[in-house]
Amino acid sequence: MFERISANIVYAWDFIFNHEVSPLRNIPDVAVRHYVLQALGFMWAVSFSLAIGSYTFFAASLVGHTVLIAAVAITVATLTTAARSPQVFLRGAGRRGDGEHE
């Protein structure tokens, strides 16, 4: 079983990275073949870097969005309270008896 998996990994590696096995073997100039393989390698390195960076940035983005949504919720609650019960915002309203400032 492990020999078969090992053989598949070697085949896949050669198919991609061995210029004599991969479809790049059809390019007659070895220098151009090498350049194309390098360009593909660079493309994949950048692609994976951007993907990993996006996944890493997702956590920070999630926290940032949560803070913004919380700020909106607090603002809406404050404005709604100010419209319906403005006495809540009177100085010391929680320490004095009801009706002292009305």
PDB file of N, CA and C in Angstrom:
ATOM      1  N   MET A   1       0.823  -1.186   0.000  1.00  0.00           N
ATOM      2  CA  MET A   1       0.000   0.000   0.000  1.00  0.00           C
ATOM      3  C   MET A   1       0.874   1.260   0.000  1.00  0.00           C
ATOM      4  N   PHE A   2       1.881   1.303   0.906  1.00  0.00           N
ATOM      5  CA  PHE A   2       2.742   2.474   0.970  1.00  0.00           C
ATOM      6  C   PHE A   2       3.600   2.606  -0.279  1.00  0.00           C
ATOM      7  N   GLU A   3       3.942   1.478  -0.897  1.00  0.00           N
ATOM      8  CA  GLU A   3       4.718   1.532  -2.129  1.00  0.00           C
ATOM      9  C   GLU A   3       3.906   2.174  -3.244  1.00  0.00           C
ATOM     10  N   ARG A   4       2.629   1.878  -3.282  1.00  0.00           N
ATOM     11  CA  ARG A   4       1.764   2.455  -4.318  1.00  0.00           C
ATOM     12  C   ARG A   4       1.602   3.961  -4.090  1.00  0.00           C
ATOM     13  N   ILE A   5       1.402   4.357  -2.837  1.00  0.00           N
ATOM     14  CA  ILE A   5       1.293   5.786  -2.523  1.00  0.00           C
ATOM     15  C   ILE A   5       2.600   6.490  -2.853  1.00  0.00           C
ATOM     16  N   SER A   6       3.714   5.862  -2.485  1.00  0.00           N
ATOM     17  CA  SER A   6       5.023   6.424  -2.776  1.00  0.00           C
ATOM     18  C   SER A   6       5.237   6.577  -4.282  1.00  0.00           C
ATOM     19  N   ALA A   7       4.844   5.572  -5.034  1.00  0.00           N
ATOM     20  CA  ALA A   7       4.992   5.633  -6.495  1.00  0.00           C
ATOM     21  C   ALA A   7       4.134   6.750  -7.081  1.00  0.00           C
ATOM     22  N   ASN A   8       2.932   6.952  -6.548  1.00  0.00           N
ATOM     23  CA  ASN A   8       2.071   8.032  -7.032  1.00  0.00           C
ATOM     24  C   ASN A   8       2.655   9.399  -6.724  1.00  0.00           C
ATOM     25  N   ILE A   9       3.256   9.535  -5.556  1.00  0.00           N
ATOM     26  CA  ILE A   9       3.872  10.814  -5.193  1.00  0.00           C
ATOM     27  C   ILE A   9       5.060  11.108  -6.104  1.00  0.00           C
ATOM     28  N   VAL A  10       5.882  10.097  -6.355  1.00  0.00           N
ATOM     29  CA  VAL A  10       7.032  10.275  -7.245  1.00  0.00           C
ATOM     30  C   VAL A  10       6.562  10.609  -8.656  1.00  0.00           C
ATOM     31  N   TYR A  11       5.529   9.938  -9.126  1.00  0.00           N
ATOM     32  CA  TYR A  11       4.994  10.219 -10.465  1.00  0.00           C
ATOM     33  C   TYR A  11       4.490  11.658 -10.548  1.00  0.00           C
ATOM     34  N   ALA A  12       3.721  12.085  -9.537  1.00  0.00           N
ATOM     35  CA  ALA A  12       3.189  13.451  -9.548  1.00  0.00           C
ATOM     36  C   ALA A  12       4.328  14.473  -9.504  1.00  0.00           C
ATOM     37  N   TRP A  13       5.339  14.201  -8.675  1.00  0.00           N
ATOM     38  CA  TRP A  13       6.479  15.106  -8.583  1.00  0.00           C
ATOM     39  C   TRP A  13       7.189  15.212  -9.932  1.00  0.00           C
ATOM     40  N   ASP A  14       7.462  14.068 -10.552  1.00  0.00           N
ATOM     41  CA  ASP A  14       8.134  14.075 -11.848  1.00  0.00           C
ATOM     42  C   ASP A  14       7.278  14.743 -12.921  1.00  0.00           C
ATOM     43  N   PHE A  15       5.997  14.501 -12.877  1.00  0.00           N
ATOM     44  CA  PHE A  15       5.105  15.078 -13.886  1.00  0.00           C
ATOM     45  C   PHE A  15       5.144  16.594 -13.842  1.00  0.00           C
ATOM     46  N   ILE A  16       5.334  17.149 -12.645  1.00  0.00           N
ATOM     47  CA  ILE A  16       5.347  18.603 -12.516  1.00  0.00           C
ATOM     48  C   ILE A  16       6.762  19.168 -12.627  1.00  0.00           C
ATOM     49  N   PHE A  17       7.724  18.555 -11.932  1.00  0.00           N
ATOM     50  CA  PHE A  17       9.039  19.177 -11.781  1.00  0.00           C
ATOM     51  C   PHE A  17      10.140  18.610 -12.665  1.00  0.00           C
ATOM     52  N   ASN A  18       9.936  17.491 -13.314  1.00  0.00           N
ATOM     53  CA  ASN A  18      10.961  16.927 -14.178  1.00  0.00           C
ATOM     54  C   ASN A  18      10.661  17.335 -15.613  1.00  0.00           C
ATOM     55  N   HIS A  19      11.499  18.190 -16.167  1.00  0.00           N
ATOM     56  CA  HIS A  19      11.232  18.737 -17.501  1.00  0.00           C
ATOM     57  C   HIS A  19      11.307  17.675 -18.603  1.00  0.00           C
ATOM     58  N   GLU A  20      11.857  16.520 -18.301  1.00  0.00           N
ATOM     59  CA  GLU A  20      11.900  15.447 -19.300  1.00  0.00           C
ATOM     60  C   GLU A  20      10.654  14.577 -19.260  1.00  0.00           C
ATOM     61  N   VAL A  21       9.850  14.699 -18.204  1.00  0.00           N
ATOM     62  CA  VAL A  21       8.635  13.891 -18.055  1.00  0.00           C
ATOM     63  C   VAL A  21       7.388  14.734 -18.257  1.00  0.00           C
ATOM     64  N   SER A  22       7.406  15.963 -17.791  1.00  0.00           N
ATOM     65  CA  SER A  22       6.219  16.824 -17.849  1.00  0.00           C
ATOM     66  C   SER A  22       5.913  17.228 -19.289  1.00  0.00           C
ATOM     67  N   PRO A  23       4.751  17.779 -19.521  1.00  0.00           N
ATOM     68  CA  PRO A  23       4.423  18.266 -20.869  1.00  0.00           C
ATOM     69  C   PRO A  23       5.368  19.365 -21.363  1.00  0.00           C
ATOM     70  N   LEU A  24       6.156  19.942 -20.460  1.00  0.00           N
ATOM     71  CA  LEU A  24       7.138  20.933 -20.887  1.00  0.00           C
ATOM     72  C   LEU A  24       8.221  20.307 -21.757  1.00  0.00           C
ATOM     73  N   ARG A  25       8.313  18.984 -21.765  1.00  0.00           N
ATOM     74  CA  ARG A  25       9.327  18.305 -22.594  1.00  0.00           C
ATOM     75  C   ARG A  25       9.125  18.607 -24.080  1.00  0.00           C
ATOM     76  N   ASN A  26       7.921  19.049 -24.441  1.00  0.00           N
ATOM     77  CA  ASN A  26       7.626  19.372 -25.841  1.00  0.00           C
ATOM     78  C   ASN A  26       8.220  20.705 -26.278  1.00  0.00           C
ATOM     79  N   ILE A  27       8.687  21.520 -25.317  1.00  0.00           N
ATOM     80  CA  ILE A  27       9.355  22.775 -25.665  1.00  0.00           C
ATOM     81  C   ILE A  27      10.797  22.418 -26.006  1.00  0.00           C
ATOM     82  N   PRO A  28      11.229  22.681 -27.244  1.00  0.00           N
ATOM     83  CA  PRO A  28      12.544  22.207 -27.674  1.00  0.00           C
ATOM     84  C   PRO A  28      13.723  22.884 -26.971  1.00  0.00           C
ATOM     85  N   ASP A  29      13.627  24.148 -26.628  1.00  0.00           N
ATOM     86  CA  ASP A  29      14.743  24.862 -26.008  1.00  0.00           C
ATOM     87  C   ASP A  29      14.716  24.637 -24.488  1.00  0.00           C
ATOM     88  N   VAL A  30      15.790  24.058 -23.949  1.00  0.00           N
ATOM     89  CA  VAL A  30      15.866  23.740 -22.525  1.00  0.00           C
ATOM     90  C   VAL A  30      15.821  25.013 -21.674  1.00  0.00           C
ATOM     91  N   ALA A  31      16.421  26.093 -22.141  1.00  0.00           N
ATOM     92  CA  ALA A  31      16.416  27.352 -21.390  1.00  0.00           C
ATOM     93  C   ALA A  31      14.993  27.895 -21.264  1.00  0.00           C
ATOM     94  N   VAL A  32      14.236  27.840 -22.350  1.00  0.00           N
ATOM     95  CA  VAL A  32      12.841  28.298 -22.319  1.00  0.00           C
ATOM     96  C   VAL A  32      12.026  27.384 -21.408  1.00  0.00           C
ATOM     97  N   ARG A  33      12.276  26.099 -21.487  1.00  0.00           N
ATOM     98  CA  ARG A  33      11.614  25.133 -20.615  1.00  0.00           C
ATOM     99  C   ARG A  33      11.849  25.494 -19.146  1.00  0.00           C
ATOM    100  N   HIS A  34      13.113  25.778 -18.831  1.00  0.00           N
ATOM    101  CA  HIS A  34      13.474  26.147 -17.466  1.00  0.00           C
ATOM    102  C   HIS A  34      12.781  27.449 -17.055  1.00  0.00           C
ATOM    103  N   TYR A  35      12.760  28.429 -17.955  1.00  0.00           N
ATOM    104  CA  TYR A  35      12.110  29.705 -17.660  1.00  0.00           C
ATOM    105  C   TYR A  35      10.626  29.501 -17.369  1.00  0.00           C
ATOM    106  N   VAL A  36       9.955  28.711 -18.193  1.00  0.00           N
ATOM    107  CA  VAL A  36       8.520  28.460 -18.002  1.00  0.00           C
ATOM    108  C   VAL A  36       8.282  27.770 -16.659  1.00  0.00           C
ATOM    109  N   LEU A  37       9.115  26.805 -16.315  1.00  0.00           N
ATOM    110  CA  LEU A  37       8.977  26.118 -15.033  1.00  0.00           C
ATOM    111  C   LEU A  37       9.201  27.088 -13.872  1.00  0.00           C
ATOM    112  N   GLN A  38      10.189  27.984 -13.995  1.00  0.00           N
ATOM    113  CA  GLN A  38      10.438  28.987 -12.960  1.00  0.00           C
ATOM    114  C   GLN A  38       9.261  29.957 -12.837  1.00  0.00           C
ATOM    115  N   ALA A  39       8.710  30.379 -13.974  1.00  0.00           N
ATOM    116  CA  ALA A  39       7.560  31.291 -13.953  1.00  0.00           C
ATOM    117  C   ALA A  39       6.353  30.626 -13.280  1.00  0.00           C
ATOM    118  N   LEU A  40       6.122  29.356 -13.595  1.00  0.00           N
ATOM    119  CA  LEU A  40       5.020  28.632 -12.955  1.00  0.00           C
ATOM    120  C   LEU A  40       5.264  28.488 -11.450  1.00  0.00           C
ATOM    121  N   GLY A  41       6.496  28.188 -11.067  1.00  0.00           N
ATOM    122  CA  GLY A  41       6.830  28.076  -9.652  1.00  0.00           C
ATOM    123  C   GLY A  41       6.609  29.389  -8.912  1.00  0.00           C
ATOM    124  N   PHE A  42       7.030  30.490  -9.532  1.00  0.00           N
ATOM    125  CA  PHE A  42       6.823  31.804  -8.927  1.00  0.00           C
ATOM    126  C   PHE A  42       5.334  32.106  -8.792  1.00  0.00           C
ATOM    127  N   MET A  43       4.567  31.786  -9.828  1.00  0.00           N
ATOM    128  CA  MET A  43       3.121  32.016  -9.792  1.00  0.00           C
ATOM    129  C   MET A  43       2.486  31.257  -8.627  1.00  0.00           C
ATOM    130  N   TRP A  44       2.865  29.997  -8.447  1.00  0.00           N
ATOM    131  CA  TRP A  44       2.294  29.188  -7.364  1.00  0.00           C
ATOM    132  C   TRP A  44       2.743  29.690  -6.002  1.00  0.00           C
ATOM    133  N   ALA A  45       3.972  30.136  -5.891  1.00  0.00           N
ATOM    134  CA  ALA A  45       4.455  30.677  -4.613  1.00  0.00           C
ATOM    135  C   ALA A  45       3.665  31.915  -4.222  1.00  0.00           C
ATOM    136  N   VAL A  46       3.432  32.805  -5.186  1.00  0.00           N
ATOM    137  CA  VAL A  46       2.651  34.012  -4.918  1.00  0.00           C
ATOM    138  C   VAL A  46       1.206  33.640  -4.588  1.00  0.00           C
ATOM    139  N   SER A  47       0.636  32.697  -5.324  1.00  0.00           N
ATOM    140  CA  SER A  47      -0.746  32.283  -5.068  1.00  0.00           C
ATOM    141  C   SER A  47      -0.915  31.736  -3.655  1.00  0.00           C
ATOM    142  N   PHE A  48      -0.022  30.847  -3.248  1.00  0.00           N
ATOM    143  CA  PHE A  48      -0.119  30.285  -1.899  1.00  0.00           C
ATOM    144  C   PHE A  48       0.134  31.354  -0.839  1.00  0.00           C
ATOM    145  N   SER A  49       1.058  32.251  -1.093  1.00  0.00           N
ATOM    146  CA  SER A  49       1.325  33.320  -0.125  1.00  0.00           C
ATOM    147  C   SER A  49       0.104  34.199   0.067  1.00  0.00           C
ATOM    148  N   LEU A  50      -0.538  34.567  -1.023  1.00  0.00           N
ATOM    149  CA  LEU A  50      -1.750  35.382  -0.918  1.00  0.00           C
ATOM    150  C   LEU A  50      -2.874  34.627  -0.221  1.00  0.00           C
ATOM    151  N   ALA A  51      -3.011  33.344  -0.526  1.00  0.00           N
ATOM    152  CA  ALA A  51      -4.062  32.548   0.115  1.00  0.00           C
ATOM    153  C   ALA A  51      -3.811  32.442   1.610  1.00  0.00           C
ATOM    154  N   ILE A  52      -2.596  32.103   2.007  1.00  0.00           N
ATOM    155  CA  ILE A  52      -2.269  31.979   3.431  1.00  0.00           C
ATOM    156  C   ILE A  52      -2.435  33.327   4.124  1.00  0.00           C
ATOM    157  N   GLY A  53      -1.998  34.384   3.463  1.00  0.00           N
ATOM    158  CA  GLY A  53      -2.169  35.729   4.023  1.00  0.00           C
ATOM    159  C   GLY A  53      -3.629  36.086   4.204  1.00  0.00           C
ATOM    160  N   SER A  54      -4.465  35.701   3.252  1.00  0.00           N
ATOM    161  CA  SER A  54      -5.901  35.969   3.370  1.00  0.00           C
ATOM    162  C   SER A  54      -6.496  35.208   4.537  1.00  0.00           C
ATOM    163  N   TYR A  55      -6.091  33.955   4.709  1.00  0.00           N
ATOM    164  CA  TYR A  55      -6.610  33.163   5.828  1.00  0.00           C
ATOM    165  C   TYR A  55      -6.163  33.760   7.153  1.00  0.00           C
ATOM    166  N   THR A  56      -4.919  34.229   7.206  1.00  0.00           N
ATOM    167  CA  THR A  56      -4.397  34.831   8.429  1.00  0.00           C
ATOM    168  C   THR A  56      -5.092  36.156   8.704  1.00  0.00           C
ATOM    169  N   PHE A  57      -5.297  36.944   7.667  1.00  0.00           N
ATOM    170  CA  PHE A  57      -5.933  38.242   7.812  1.00  0.00           C
ATOM    171  C   PHE A  57      -7.401  38.101   8.184  1.00  0.00           C
ATOM    172  N   PHE A  58      -7.996  36.944   7.868  1.00  0.00           N
ATOM    173  CA  PHE A  58      -9.417  36.737   8.139  1.00  0.00           C
ATOM    174  C   PHE A  58      -9.740  36.922   9.619  1.00  0.00           C
ATOM    175  N   ALA A  59      -8.864  36.430  10.504  1.00  0.00           N
ATOM    176  CA  ALA A  59      -9.107  36.562  11.943  1.00  0.00           C
ATOM    177  C   ALA A  59      -9.136  38.037  12.349  1.00  0.00           C
ATOM    178  N   ALA A  60      -8.170  38.807  11.877  1.00  0.00           N
ATOM    179  CA  ALA A  60      -8.145  40.239  12.187  1.00  0.00           C
ATOM    180  C   ALA A  60      -9.349  40.941  11.584  1.00  0.00           C
ATOM    181  N   SER A  61      -9.718  40.547  10.390  1.00  0.00           N
ATOM    182  CA  SER A  61     -10.884  41.133   9.734  1.00  0.00           C
ATOM    183  C   SER A  61     -12.157  40.818  10.515  1.00  0.00           C
ATOM    184  N   LEU A  62     -12.253  39.595  11.013  1.00  0.00           N
ATOM    185  CA  LEU A  62     -13.414  39.188  11.802  1.00  0.00           C
ATOM    186  C   LEU A  62     -13.529  40.029  13.068  1.00  0.00           C
ATOM    187  N   VAL A  63     -12.418  40.228  13.754  1.00  0.00           N
ATOM    188  CA  VAL A  63     -12.424  41.048  14.969  1.00  0.00           C
ATOM    189  C   VAL A  63     -12.808  42.482  14.626  1.00  0.00           C
ATOM    190  N   GLY A  64     -12.235  43.025  13.568  1.00  0.00           N
ATOM    191  CA  GLY A  64     -12.546  44.394  13.158  1.00  0.00           C
ATOM    192  C   GLY A  64     -14.012  44.580  12.825  1.00  0.00           C
ATOM    193  N   HIS A  65     -14.573  43.644  12.089  1.00  0.00           N
ATOM    194  CA  HIS A  65     -15.989  43.736  11.747  1.00  0.00           C
ATOM    195  C   HIS A  65     -16.875  43.603  12.987  1.00  0.00           C
ATOM    196  N   THR A  66     -16.480  42.753  13.917  1.00  0.00           N
ATOM    197  CA  THR A  66     -17.240  42.606  15.157  1.00  0.00           C
ATOM    198  C   THR A  66     -17.252  43.914  15.941  1.00  0.00           C
ATOM    199  N   VAL A  67     -16.104  44.581  16.005  1.00  0.00           N
ATOM    200  CA  VAL A  67     -16.032  45.866  16.702  1.00  0.00           C
ATOM    201  C   VAL A  67     -16.912  46.895  16.007  1.00  0.00           C
ATOM    202  N   LEU A  68     -16.891  46.950  14.686  1.00  0.00           N
ATOM    203  CA  LEU A  68     -17.735  47.908  13.964  1.00  0.00           C
ATOM    204  C   LEU A  68     -19.222  47.626  14.174  1.00  0.00           C
ATOM    205  N   ILE A  69     -19.612  46.359  14.131  1.00  0.00           N
ATOM    206  CA  ILE A  69     -21.016  46.009  14.344  1.00  0.00           C
ATOM    207  C   ILE A  69     -21.432  46.349  15.770  1.00  0.00           C
ATOM    208  N   ALA A  70     -20.550  46.107  16.740  1.00  0.00           N
ATOM    209  CA  ALA A  70     -20.855  46.468  18.130  1.00  0.00           C
ATOM    210  C   ALA A  70     -21.008  47.980  18.271  1.00  0.00           C
ATOM    211  N   ALA A  71     -20.160  48.749  17.600  1.00  0.00           N
ATOM    212  CA  ALA A  71     -20.267  50.208  17.656  1.00  0.00           C
ATOM    213  C   ALA A  71     -21.599  50.681  17.078  1.00  0.00           C
ATOM    214  N   VAL A  72     -22.024  50.079  15.991  1.00  0.00           N
ATOM    215  CA  VAL A  72     -23.321  50.434  15.399  1.00  0.00           C
ATOM    216  C   VAL A  72     -24.447  50.082  16.362  1.00  0.00           C
ATOM    217  N   ALA A  73     -24.389  48.895  16.978  1.00  0.00           N
ATOM    218  CA  ALA A  73     -25.431  48.472  17.913  1.00  0.00           C
ATOM    219  C   ALA A  73     -25.498  49.407  19.118  1.00  0.00           C
ATOM    220  N   ILE A  74     -24.351  49.807  19.662  1.00  0.00           N
ATOM    221  CA  ILE A  74     -24.328  50.724  20.807  1.00  0.00           C
ATOM    222  C   ILE A  74     -24.893  52.086  20.411  1.00  0.00           C
ATOM    223  N   THR A  75     -24.535  52.555  19.215  1.00  0.00           N
ATOM    224  CA  THR A  75     -25.053  53.838  18.735  1.00  0.00           C
ATOM    225  C   THR A  75     -26.565  53.791  18.580  1.00  0.00           C
ATOM    226  N   VAL A  76     -27.085  52.736  17.974  1.00  0.00           N
ATOM    227  CA  VAL A  76     -28.535  52.605  17.794  1.00  0.00           C
ATOM    228  C   VAL A  76     -29.231  52.535  19.153  1.00  0.00           C
ATOM    229  N   ALA A  77     -28.671  51.772  20.086  1.00  0.00           N
ATOM    230  CA  ALA A  77     -29.271  51.671  21.420  1.00  0.00           C
ATOM    231  C   ALA A  77     -29.261  53.025  22.123  1.00  0.00           C
ATOM    232  N   THR A  78     -28.171  53.772  21.998  1.00  0.00           N
ATOM    233  CA  THR A  78     -28.077  55.084  22.631  1.00  0.00           C
ATOM    234  C   THR A  78     -29.088  56.053  22.033  1.00  0.00           C
ATOM    235  N   LEU A  79     -29.176  56.108  20.707  1.00  0.00           N
ATOM    236  CA  LEU A  79     -30.115  57.026  20.064  1.00  0.00           C
ATOM    237  C   LEU A  79     -31.567  56.640  20.352  1.00  0.00           C
ATOM    238  N   THR A  80     -31.851  55.345  20.378  1.00  0.00           N
ATOM    239  CA  THR A  80     -33.208  54.887  20.686  1.00  0.00           C
ATOM    240  C   THR A  80     -33.576  55.242  22.126  1.00  0.00           C
ATOM    241  N   THR A  81     -32.647  55.053  23.044  1.00  0.00           N
ATOM    242  CA  THR A  81     -32.895  55.401  24.444  1.00  0.00           C
ATOM    243  C   THR A  81     -33.085  56.906  24.594  1.00  0.00           C
ATOM    244  N   ALA A  82     -32.294  57.690  23.890  1.00  0.00           N
ATOM    245  CA  ALA A  82     -32.421  59.150  23.953  1.00  0.00           C
ATOM    246  C   ALA A  82     -33.782  59.598  23.433  1.00  0.00           C
ATOM    247  N   ALA A  83     -34.314  58.923  22.428  1.00  0.00           N
ATOM    248  CA  ALA A  83     -35.614  59.295  21.871  1.00  0.00           C
ATOM    249  C   ALA A  83     -36.764  58.857  22.782  1.00  0.00           C
ATOM    250  N   ARG A  84     -36.650  57.680  23.384  1.00  0.00           N
ATOM    251  CA  ARG A  84     -37.755  57.128  24.172  1.00  0.00           C
ATOM    252  C   ARG A  84     -37.690  57.496  25.644  1.00  0.00           C
ATOM    253  N   SER A  85     -36.498  57.528  26.213  1.00  0.00           N
ATOM    254  CA  SER A  85     -36.343  57.775  27.655  1.00  0.00           C
ATOM    255  C   SER A  85     -35.165  58.711  27.903  1.00  0.00           C
ATOM    256  N   PRO A  86     -35.285  59.989  27.554  1.00  0.00           N
ATOM    257  CA  PRO A  86     -34.152  60.903  27.716  1.00  0.00           C
ATOM    258  C   PRO A  86     -33.731  61.100  29.168  1.00  0.00           C
ATOM    259  N   GLN A  87     -34.607  60.809  30.107  1.00  0.00           N
ATOM    260  CA  GLN A  87     -34.269  60.994  31.519  1.00  0.00           C
ATOM    261  C   GLN A  87     -33.140  60.069  31.963  1.00  0.00           C
ATOM    262  N   VAL A  88     -32.895  59.003  31.227  1.00  0.00           N
ATOM    263  CA  VAL A  88     -31.793  58.096  31.556  1.00  0.00           C
ATOM    264  C   VAL A  88     -30.456  58.840  31.521  1.00  0.00           C
ATOM    265  N   PHE A  89     -30.371  59.868  30.704  1.00  0.00           N
ATOM    266  CA  PHE A  89     -29.109  60.579  30.524  1.00  0.00           C
ATOM    267  C   PHE A  89     -28.944  61.764  31.468  1.00  0.00           C
ATOM    268  N   LEU A  90     -29.890  61.967  32.373  1.00  0.00           N
ATOM    269  CA  LEU A  90     -29.743  63.051  33.345  1.00  0.00           C
ATOM    270  C   LEU A  90     -28.606  62.719  34.299  1.00  0.00           C
ATOM    271  N   ARG A  91     -27.875  63.720  34.662  1.00  0.00           N
ATOM    272  CA  ARG A  91     -26.735  63.528  35.560  1.00  0.00           C
ATOM    273  C   ARG A  91     -27.209  62.953  36.888  1.00  0.00           C
ATOM    274  N   GLY A  92     -26.632  61.816  37.250  1.00  0.00           N
ATOM    275  CA  GLY A  92     -26.969  61.188  38.517  1.00  0.00           C
ATOM    276  C   GLY A  92     -28.348  60.567  38.550  1.00  0.00           C
ATOM    277  N   ALA A  93     -28.947  60.314  37.395  1.00  0.00           N
ATOM    278  CA  ALA A  93     -30.306  59.778  37.362  1.00  0.00           C
ATOM    279  C   ALA A  93     -30.415  58.446  38.082  1.00  0.00           C
ATOM    280  N   GLY A  94     -29.353  57.677  38.123  1.00  0.00           N
ATOM    281  CA  GLY A  94     -29.402  56.384  38.786  1.00  0.00           C
ATOM    282  C   GLY A  94     -29.296  56.479  40.299  1.00  0.00           C
ATOM    283  N   ARG A  95     -28.840  57.634  40.839  1.00  0.00           N
ATOM    284  CA  ARG A  95     -28.641  57.772  42.279  1.00  0.00           C
ATOM    285  C   ARG A  95     -29.770  58.530  42.962  1.00  0.00           C
ATOM    286  N   ARG A  96     -30.547  59.243  42.220  1.00  0.00           N
ATOM    287  CA  ARG A  96     -31.605  60.043  42.821  1.00  0.00           C
ATOM    288  C   ARG A  96     -32.946  59.322  42.676  1.00  0.00           C
ATOM    289  N   GLY A  97     -33.874  59.751  43.451  1.00  0.00           N
ATOM    290  CA  GLY A  97     -35.203  59.174  43.364  1.00  0.00           C
ATOM    291  C   GLY A  97     -35.903  59.599  42.089  1.00  0.00           C
ATOM    292  N   ASP A  98     -36.940  58.861  41.712  1.00  0.00           N
ATOM    293  CA  ASP A  98     -37.679  59.183  40.493  1.00  0.00           C
ATOM    294  C   ASP A  98     -38.372  60.531  40.634  1.00  0.00           C
ATOM    295  N   GLY A  99     -38.359  61.301  39.572  1.00  0.00           N
ATOM    296  CA  GLY A  99     -39.117  62.547  39.514  1.00  0.00           C
ATOM    297  C   GLY A  99     -38.419  63.751  40.072  1.00  0.00           C
ATOM    298  N   GLU A 100     -37.193  63.687  40.509  1.00  0.00           N
ATOM    299  CA  GLU A 100     -36.529  64.854  41.072  1.00  0.00           C
ATOM    300  C   GLU A 100     -36.264  65.923  40.024  1.00  0.00           C
ATOM    301  N   HIS A 101     -35.999  65.528  38.778  1.00  0.00           N
ATOM    302  CA  HIS A 101     -35.673  66.509  37.733  1.00  0.00           C
ATOM    303  C   HIS A 101     -36.790  66.694  36.731  1.00  0.00           C
ATOM    304  N   GLU A 102     -37.918  66.205  36.989  1.00  0.00           N
ATOM    305  CA  GLU A 102     -39.005  66.304  35.988  1.00  0.00           C
ATOM    306  C   GLU A 102     -39.866  67.494  36.223  1.00  0.00           C
TER     307      GLU A 102
END
